[in-house]
């Protein structure tokens, strides 16, 4: 199946948007979120996120904890 190559303008230059062809092993009626791990431009694994799972950086997680009233400190 041919994929139409799109371009974007980045810093004044038209650049082709990379197309990654990967195979996801999910049910045909799947609707949800998937985390894909890439190494050197290749998808090496993927995992479906459950409804109650979220992805965040450590800094974002700590900020949310502080906003929720938790005290965050370094420990030994």
C-alpha atoms as a PDB file:
ATOM      1  CA  UNK A   1       0.000   0.000   0.000  1.00  0.00           C
ATOM      2  CA  UNK A   2       1.708   3.245  -1.068  1.00  0.00           C
ATOM      3  CA  UNK A   3       2.032   5.926   1.564  1.00  0.00           C
ATOM      4  CA  UNK A   4       1.838   9.565   0.534  1.00  0.00           C
ATOM      5  CA  UNK A   5       5.002  11.353   1.639  1.00  0.00           C
ATOM      6  CA  UNK A   6       4.280  14.686   3.338  1.00  0.00           C
ATOM      7  CA  UNK A   7       6.618  17.611   3.803  1.00  0.00           C
ATOM      8  CA  UNK A   8       6.910  20.188   6.567  1.00  0.00           C
ATOM      9  CA  UNK A   9       8.677  23.519   6.625  1.00  0.00           C
ATOM     10  CA  UNK A  10      11.305  23.466   9.383  1.00  0.00           C
ATOM     11  CA  UNK A  11      13.553  26.493   9.836  1.00  0.00           C
ATOM     12  CA  UNK A  12      12.844  27.692   6.324  1.00  0.00           C
ATOM     13  CA  UNK A  13      13.534  24.382   4.594  1.00  0.00           C
ATOM     14  CA  UNK A  14      11.008  21.865   3.299  1.00  0.00           C
ATOM     15  CA  UNK A  15      11.735  18.474   4.854  1.00  0.00           C
ATOM     16  CA  UNK A  16      10.031  15.158   4.240  1.00  0.00           C
ATOM     17  CA  UNK A  17       8.133  13.818   7.230  1.00  0.00           C
ATOM     18  CA  UNK A  18       9.566  10.412   8.108  1.00  0.00           C
ATOM     19  CA  UNK A  19       7.201   7.480   7.662  1.00  0.00           C
ATOM     20  CA  UNK A  20       7.619   4.585  10.043  1.00  0.00           C
ATOM     21  CA  UNK A  21       6.026   1.328   9.009  1.00  0.00           C
ATOM     22  CA  UNK A  22       5.529  -0.773  12.112  1.00  0.00           C
ATOM     23  CA  UNK A  23       3.289  -3.705  12.903  1.00  0.00           C
ATOM     24  CA  UNK A  24       1.205  -3.385  16.071  1.00  0.00           C
ATOM     25  CA  UNK A  25      -0.184  -6.563  17.553  1.00  0.00           C
ATOM     26  CA  UNK A  26      -3.565  -5.343  18.765  1.00  0.00           C
ATOM     27  CA  UNK A  27      -7.128  -6.475  18.131  1.00  0.00           C
ATOM     28  CA  UNK A  28      -8.788  -5.084  14.965  1.00  0.00           C
ATOM     29  CA  UNK A  29     -11.322  -3.188  17.097  1.00  0.00           C
ATOM     30  CA  UNK A  30      -8.624  -1.745  19.402  1.00  0.00           C
ATOM     31  CA  UNK A  31      -9.035   1.854  20.408  1.00  0.00           C
ATOM     32  CA  UNK A  32      -6.573   3.234  22.904  1.00  0.00           C
ATOM     33  CA  UNK A  33      -3.029   4.337  23.584  1.00  0.00           C
ATOM     34  CA  UNK A  34       0.211   2.573  22.752  1.00  0.00           C
ATOM     35  CA  UNK A  35       3.776   3.362  23.830  1.00  0.00           C
ATOM     36  CA  UNK A  36       6.380   2.480  21.203  1.00  0.00           C
ATOM     37  CA  UNK A  37      10.092   2.146  22.059  1.00  0.00           C
ATOM     38  CA  UNK A  38      12.449   3.110  19.238  1.00  0.00           C
ATOM     39  CA  UNK A  39      16.179   2.508  18.981  1.00  0.00           C
ATOM     40  CA  UNK A  40      18.125   3.969  16.071  1.00  0.00           C
ATOM     41  CA  UNK A  41      14.919   4.613  14.123  1.00  0.00           C
ATOM     42  CA  UNK A  42      13.542   1.076  14.546  1.00  0.00           C
ATOM     43  CA  UNK A  43      10.580   0.115  16.693  1.00  0.00           C
ATOM     44  CA  UNK A  44      11.893  -2.544  19.045  1.00  0.00           C
ATOM     45  CA  UNK A  45       8.781  -3.063  21.174  1.00  0.00           C
ATOM     46  CA  UNK A  46       5.367  -1.640  21.935  1.00  0.00           C
ATOM     47  CA  UNK A  47       2.930  -1.855  24.822  1.00  0.00           C
ATOM     48  CA  UNK A  48      -0.698  -0.934  25.187  1.00  0.00           C
ATOM     49  CA  UNK A  49      -1.373   1.537  27.979  1.00  0.00           C
ATOM     50  CA  UNK A  50      -4.143   0.565  30.331  1.00  0.00           C
ATOM     51  CA  UNK A  51      -6.916   3.089  31.035  1.00  0.00           C
ATOM     52  CA  UNK A  52      -5.408   4.122  34.383  1.00  0.00           C
ATOM     53  CA  UNK A  53      -1.807   4.350  33.144  1.00  0.00           C
ATOM     54  CA  UNK A  54      -0.137   7.608  32.165  1.00  0.00           C
ATOM     55  CA  UNK A  55       3.260   8.546  30.746  1.00  0.00           C
ATOM     56  CA  UNK A  56       5.253  11.447  32.167  1.00  0.00           C
ATOM     57  CA  UNK A  57       8.812  12.536  32.718  1.00  0.00           C
ATOM     58  CA  UNK A  58      10.176  12.338  36.259  1.00  0.00           C
ATOM     59  CA  UNK A  59      10.064  16.139  36.520  1.00  0.00           C
ATOM     60  CA  UNK A  60       6.396  16.173  35.484  1.00  0.00           C
ATOM     61  CA  UNK A  61       5.563  13.402  37.953  1.00  0.00           C
ATOM     62  CA  UNK A  62       7.260  15.261  40.813  1.00  0.00           C
ATOM     63  CA  UNK A  63       5.455  18.481  39.873  1.00  0.00           C
ATOM     64  CA  UNK A  64       2.101  16.670  39.931  1.00  0.00           C
ATOM     65  CA  UNK A  65       2.952  15.149  43.316  1.00  0.00           C
ATOM     66  CA  UNK A  66       3.793  18.592  44.719  1.00  0.00           C
ATOM     67  CA  UNK A  67       0.565  20.046  43.274  1.00  0.00           C
ATOM     68  CA  UNK A  68      -1.345  17.239  44.991  1.00  0.00           C
ATOM     69  CA  UNK A  69       0.159  18.256  48.331  1.00  0.00           C
ATOM     70  CA  UNK A  70       2.938  15.694  48.652  1.00  0.00           C
ATOM     71  CA  UNK A  71       6.314  16.790  49.981  1.00  0.00           C
ATOM     72  CA  UNK A  72       9.084  15.593  47.725  1.00  0.00           C
ATOM     73  CA  UNK A  73      12.634  15.507  49.050  1.00  0.00           C
ATOM     74  CA  UNK A  74      15.899  13.748  48.259  1.00  0.00           C
ATOM     75  CA  UNK A  75      16.648  10.793  50.477  1.00  0.00           C
ATOM     76  CA  UNK A  76      19.677   8.647  51.147  1.00  0.00           C
END
